[in-house]
Each structure stands twice: as C-alpha cells, then as structure tokens.
Amino acid sequence: MNKDIKIAVVEDDDNLRFLVSHRLQTENFQVIQCSNGVDAEKIILEETPDIVLLDWMLPGKEGIDVCESVRKAGFENIIIMMTAKSQDIDKIDAYSFGVTDYITKPFNMDVLVAMIENKVRFFVPKTQNEIYHFGQTEHHPNVHSLMRDGKKIELTILENRILLHFLQNKGRDITREELMEVVWGYSSNVNTRTLDMHVVRLRKKIETNPDKPYYLQTVRGLGYKFINDEAENPA
C-alpha cells in the first residue's frame, strides 16, 4: 500500500500524542502534530494533511469547533475524531460537524492503524504506478500530484480521485452523481455545490485559463467531460 500520506495528530495529552505519532511513523506515514485547537486549525489549513486525528477535548478550541471551522474553510480530507465520549448522541453530533469517522478512547493502537489503512485504501487510487498524460502535464495518482515543466503540483486526495476518474473516462459525459459516488461513496450526503467547488479548484491546477477550460469541460444540465485531443489543443 502507498504510504505517501501525511497525518496530523492533534492531542493535548503529551504521552498519547507521542505514542500515536511514533506508531504512525513506524508505519511509514508522514506525521505532523500539535496540542491545542488554535494551532490545529492553522496547521490543518496550511499543511492540508490527508488525514487528521483530532482530539475532541482540546485547550484553546474544542476539536468539534476546529472541525467545523476547517470544513467551512474548504478542507475536505479525512478527519477522525478521537474521543472519550462514547454516547451515540455525541457521535451524531460529530458527524453533523463534518467528522469522517471517530475512534473512542482508550483505543488499541492496532485498531487505529487498521482504521487509517482502511481510509487510505478507499481514498488513494489503486493504480499505484500508472502515470497519465494530458497536454504537457503528467498525473501521478499514487502520490496525488501533477508534474508540469519540471514542477510538482500537489493535489488533495479528493482532487486526485476526481481527476483520475476523468482521465480513465476521457471524452465521456460524466454526471455529477457518478462523480460523487466515485469520490465520496454511495452513502455520502455531499451536495453538488461541494463537488463543483472541487472541480473549480482542480481547473486552477490543470488549465491554462481556468475560466475557459480546455480539458475539464462542463456539460450543461448533466455534469462534466474531460477532453484530451492534443491536435485541437490551443496550447
């Protein structure tokens, strides 16, 4: 399994934060860490980790408030809440604030790693070594990035999944519903505006003129289509 995954560990208990971070590093994950809610919000938005392990009770700003804030700011990657609260109502609250999943303390470290492995397996493409080409750009889905003119352009996990689906279905009209199922899964309650927002951000990374996209075109009333006819490419 690909391990080029960055995980933020946000926990005010120094011992637990050290233990979790150390274990994840031994599993070859990249780890960044902090101990309070204010720093957490800043680090999540600046570093855009693929997965956030977020303690519920934090000094400065509670984990649930951090989650709500970064979601409103456009952070769409995985957030796993670490909580000592085990009542169902708290779990429902967590989902309503944008938590992807939760793990109840005290937890077995193997269970935590298994949960993370499961998320990585779902969100990171299975085409580990395949490289896709369009125009002067290479897409490396296994490290969710683009290469153009010798420069690396980072993609979020969700942007990566969206682009990969388009590149595997060039020239085909793809409905928003299909895209949402591919990217978020069948049980998702994500709305189409969120999908459109990710498409806008993706265009800024792949298009010469994002306002007049060449590759990632809108199909009115339906969804999108990815065009890759180099003969017609004005660039």
Protein backbone atom coordinates (compact mmCIF):
# COMPACT_ATOMS: atom_id res chain seq x y z
CA MET A 1 0.00 0.00 0.00
CA ASN A 2 1.21 3.50 -0.77
CA LYS A 3 2.31 5.38 2.34
CA ASP A 4 2.97 8.85 0.96
CA ILE A 5 0.27 10.06 3.31
CA LYS A 6 0.50 12.97 5.74
CA ILE A 7 -1.32 12.63 9.06
CA ALA A 8 -1.87 15.42 11.60
CA VAL A 9 -2.09 14.20 15.20
CA VAL A 10 -3.88 16.76 17.39
CA GLU A 11 -3.87 15.67 21.03
CA ASP A 12 -3.13 17.62 24.25
CA ASP A 13 -2.07 14.51 26.20
CA ASP A 14 1.68 14.51 25.50
CA ASN A 15 2.12 10.80 26.16
CA LEU A 16 -0.75 9.73 23.91
CA ARG A 17 0.31 12.14 21.15
CA PHE A 18 3.86 10.74 21.29
CA LEU A 19 2.66 7.12 21.24
CA VAL A 20 0.27 7.65 18.32
CA SER A 21 2.78 9.71 16.33
CA HIS A 22 5.58 7.21 16.92
CA ARG A 23 3.42 4.26 15.86
CA LEU A 24 2.27 6.02 12.69
CA GLN A 25 5.85 6.92 11.81
CA THR A 26 6.89 3.27 12.21
CA GLU A 27 4.12 2.50 9.69
CA ASN A 28 5.88 4.94 7.30
CA PHE A 29 3.28 7.69 7.44
CA GLN A 30 4.38 11.33 7.49
CA VAL A 31 3.30 12.84 10.82
CA ILE A 32 2.80 16.42 11.96
CA GLN A 33 1.49 17.16 15.44
CA CYS A 34 0.16 19.83 17.76
CA SER A 35 -1.52 20.02 21.15
CA ASN A 36 -4.23 22.68 21.03
CA GLY A 37 -7.20 23.68 18.90
CA VAL A 38 -5.91 27.07 17.75
CA ASP A 39 -2.67 25.62 16.39
CA ALA A 40 -4.61 22.67 14.95
CA GLU A 41 -6.80 24.89 12.80
CA LYS A 42 -3.76 26.72 11.44
CA ILE A 43 -1.74 23.57 10.74
CA ILE A 44 -4.67 21.80 9.03
CA LEU A 45 -5.31 24.68 6.64
CA GLU A 46 -1.61 25.37 5.93
CA GLU A 47 -0.33 21.78 5.68
CA THR A 48 -3.52 20.16 4.27
CA PRO A 49 -2.82 16.72 5.76
CA ASP A 50 -4.53 13.76 4.12
CA ILE A 51 -5.86 12.57 7.48
CA VAL A 52 -6.43 14.45 10.75
CA LEU A 53 -6.60 12.60 14.07
CA LEU A 54 -8.39 15.18 16.18
CA ASP A 55 -8.98 15.02 19.93
CA TRP A 56 -12.48 16.08 20.98
CA MET A 57 -11.43 17.97 24.13
CA LEU A 58 -8.63 20.45 23.39
CA PRO A 59 -7.36 23.64 25.04
CA GLY A 60 -7.88 26.86 23.08
CA LYS A 61 -10.60 25.48 20.84
CA GLU A 62 -12.53 22.22 21.07
CA GLY A 63 -11.93 19.61 18.40
CA ILE A 64 -15.50 19.75 17.15
CA ASP A 65 -15.17 23.53 16.64
CA VAL A 66 -11.87 23.04 14.83
CA CYS A 67 -13.57 20.52 12.56
CA GLU A 68 -16.44 22.87 11.79
CA SER A 69 -14.07 25.77 11.08
CA VAL A 70 -11.77 23.92 8.70
CA ARG A 71 -14.74 22.38 6.86
CA LYS A 72 -16.19 25.86 6.32
CA ALA A 73 -12.76 26.96 5.05
CA GLY A 74 -12.88 24.22 2.40
CA PHE A 75 -10.82 21.41 3.99
CA GLU A 76 -12.30 18.16 2.63
CA ASN A 77 -9.81 15.49 3.66
CA ILE A 78 -10.39 12.82 6.31
CA ILE A 79 -10.99 13.87 9.92
CA ILE A 80 -11.08 11.10 12.53
CA MET A 81 -12.23 12.29 15.95
CA MET A 82 -10.55 10.77 18.99
CA THR A 83 -12.99 10.96 21.87
CA ALA A 84 -13.60 9.58 25.32
CA LYS A 85 -17.27 10.31 24.75
CA SER A 86 -19.00 7.11 23.71
CA GLN A 87 -22.68 8.07 23.82
CA ASP A 88 -24.49 7.84 20.48
CA ILE A 89 -25.66 11.46 20.67
CA ASP A 90 -22.05 12.63 20.70
CA LYS A 91 -21.26 10.52 17.66
CA ILE A 92 -24.23 12.00 15.83
CA ASP A 93 -23.02 15.49 16.79
CA ALA A 94 -19.58 14.67 15.42
CA TYR A 95 -20.94 13.62 12.03
CA SER A 96 -23.07 16.76 11.79
CA PHE A 97 -19.93 18.89 12.23
CA GLY A 98 -18.16 17.15 9.36
CA VAL A 99 -16.23 14.37 11.09
CA THR A 100 -15.44 11.47 8.71
CA ASP A 101 -15.22 8.87 11.46
CA TYR A 102 -14.38 8.54 15.13
CA ILE A 103 -12.46 6.27 17.48
CA THR A 104 -13.30 6.03 21.18
CA LYS A 105 -10.60 6.25 23.85
CA PRO A 106 -8.98 4.20 25.16
CA PHE A 107 -8.26 2.55 21.81
CA ASN A 108 -5.94 -0.23 20.72
CA MET A 109 -3.15 1.14 18.53
CA ASP A 110 -3.57 -1.74 16.05
CA VAL A 111 -7.25 -0.81 15.67
CA LEU A 112 -6.30 2.81 14.97
CA VAL A 113 -3.76 1.76 12.33
CA ALA A 114 -6.29 -0.59 10.74
CA MET A 115 -8.84 2.23 10.57
CA ILE A 116 -6.31 4.53 8.90
CA GLU A 117 -5.22 1.80 6.48
CA ASN A 118 -8.86 1.34 5.54
CA LYS A 119 -9.30 5.07 4.85
CA VAL A 120 -6.10 5.14 2.79
CA ARG A 121 -7.23 2.13 0.81
CA PHE A 122 -10.50 3.86 -0.02
CA PHE A 123 -9.15 7.33 -0.79
CA VAL A 124 -5.84 6.59 -2.51
CA PRO A 125 -6.14 5.21 -6.07
CA LYS A 126 -5.33 1.55 -6.65
CA THR A 127 -3.37 2.34 -9.84
CA GLN A 128 -0.14 2.60 -7.86
CA ASN A 129 2.45 3.01 -10.63
CA GLU A 130 0.38 4.25 -13.55
CA ILE A 131 1.08 7.72 -14.95
CA TYR A 132 -1.49 9.61 -17.03
CA HIS A 133 -0.67 12.31 -19.59
CA PHE A 134 -2.61 15.27 -20.93
CA GLY A 135 -1.01 18.18 -22.75
CA GLN A 136 2.32 18.95 -21.09
CA THR A 137 1.13 17.54 -17.78
CA GLU A 138 1.71 14.19 -16.09
CA HIS A 139 -0.69 12.92 -13.43
CA HIS A 140 0.87 10.66 -10.77
CA PRO A 141 -2.16 9.35 -8.88
CA ASN A 142 -0.15 7.29 -6.41
CA VAL A 143 1.38 10.45 -4.91
CA HIS A 144 -1.63 12.67 -5.72
CA SER A 145 0.37 15.19 -7.73
CA LEU A 146 0.96 16.63 -11.20
CA MET A 147 4.25 17.26 -12.98
CA ARG A 148 4.45 20.10 -15.50
CA ASP A 149 7.56 21.88 -16.80
CA GLY A 150 9.62 20.06 -14.19
CA LYS A 151 7.48 21.38 -11.34
CA LYS A 152 5.39 19.34 -8.93
CA ILE A 153 1.80 20.47 -8.28
CA GLU A 154 0.15 18.92 -5.23
CA LEU A 155 -3.43 17.66 -5.41
CA THR A 156 -5.71 16.98 -2.49
CA ILE A 157 -6.90 13.38 -2.17
CA LEU A 158 -10.32 14.39 -3.47
CA GLU A 159 -8.94 16.39 -6.42
CA ASN A 160 -6.78 13.37 -7.20
CA ARG A 161 -9.75 11.00 -7.25
CA ILE A 162 -11.81 13.36 -9.40
CA LEU A 163 -9.01 13.83 -11.96
CA LEU A 164 -8.20 10.12 -12.06
CA HIS A 165 -11.82 9.25 -12.84
CA PHE A 166 -11.85 11.79 -15.68
CA LEU A 167 -8.57 10.51 -17.11
CA GLN A 168 -9.89 6.95 -17.02
CA ASN A 169 -13.03 8.09 -18.86
CA LYS A 170 -11.76 10.62 -21.41
CA GLY A 171 -14.36 12.00 -23.78
CA ARG A 172 -17.30 10.54 -21.88
CA ASP A 173 -20.07 12.64 -20.33
CA ILE A 174 -19.90 12.05 -16.58
CA THR A 175 -22.82 13.02 -14.36
CA ARG A 176 -22.31 14.78 -11.06
CA GLU A 177 -23.98 11.82 -9.36
CA GLU A 178 -21.45 9.39 -10.83
CA LEU A 179 -18.56 11.57 -9.75
CA MET A 180 -19.91 11.91 -6.23
CA GLU A 181 -20.29 8.14 -5.91
CA VAL A 182 -16.73 7.60 -7.13
CA VAL A 183 -15.20 10.26 -4.88
CA TRP A 184 -17.25 10.09 -1.69
CA GLY A 185 -19.05 6.76 -1.88
CA TYR A 186 -22.70 5.77 -2.14
CA SER A 187 -23.64 6.74 1.41
CA SER A 188 -22.37 10.29 1.05
CA ASN A 189 -24.64 13.24 1.71
CA VAL A 190 -22.26 15.67 -0.02
CA ASN A 191 -24.13 18.17 -2.19
CA THR A 192 -23.34 19.04 -5.80
CA ARG A 193 -22.09 22.51 -4.87
CA THR A 194 -19.25 20.91 -2.91
CA LEU A 195 -18.34 18.80 -5.95
CA ASP A 196 -18.44 21.85 -8.22
CA MET A 197 -16.14 23.70 -5.80
CA HIS A 198 -13.55 20.92 -6.09
CA VAL A 199 -13.81 20.99 -9.89
CA VAL A 200 -13.16 24.76 -9.84
CA ARG A 201 -10.05 24.21 -7.70
CA LEU A 202 -8.87 21.37 -9.92
CA ARG A 203 -9.23 23.54 -13.02
CA LYS A 204 -6.92 26.13 -11.46
CA LYS A 205 -4.24 23.44 -11.29
CA ILE A 206 -4.68 21.84 -14.72
CA GLU A 207 -5.97 24.57 -17.05
CA THR A 208 -4.06 27.39 -18.76
CA ASN A 209 -7.20 29.52 -18.42
CA PRO A 210 -9.48 28.10 -15.68
CA ASP A 211 -12.30 30.48 -16.69
CA LYS A 212 -12.33 28.96 -20.19
CA PRO A 213 -11.33 25.34 -19.50
CA TYR A 214 -9.96 23.28 -22.35
CA TYR A 215 -9.65 19.89 -20.67
CA LEU A 216 -12.29 19.78 -17.96
CA GLN A 217 -15.45 20.99 -19.65
CA THR A 218 -18.92 21.46 -18.22
CA VAL A 219 -21.77 19.50 -19.80
CA ARG A 220 -24.76 21.70 -19.06
CA GLY A 221 -27.52 20.12 -17.05
CA LEU A 222 -25.53 16.92 -16.64
CA GLY A 223 -22.01 17.17 -15.30
CA TYR A 224 -18.58 17.23 -16.92
CA LYS A 225 -16.42 15.82 -19.70
CA PHE A 226 -12.61 15.54 -19.97
CA ILE A 227 -11.25 16.37 -23.43
CA ASN A 228 -7.75 15.24 -24.38
CA ASP A 229 -7.47 15.75 -28.13
CA GLU A 230 -3.97 17.19 -28.43
CA ALA A 231 -4.46 18.08 -32.09
CA GLU A 232 -7.09 20.61 -31.10
CA ASN A 233 -5.30 21.89 -28.03
CA PRO A 234 -4.66 25.61 -28.50
CA ALA A 235 -1.75 25.42 -26.07
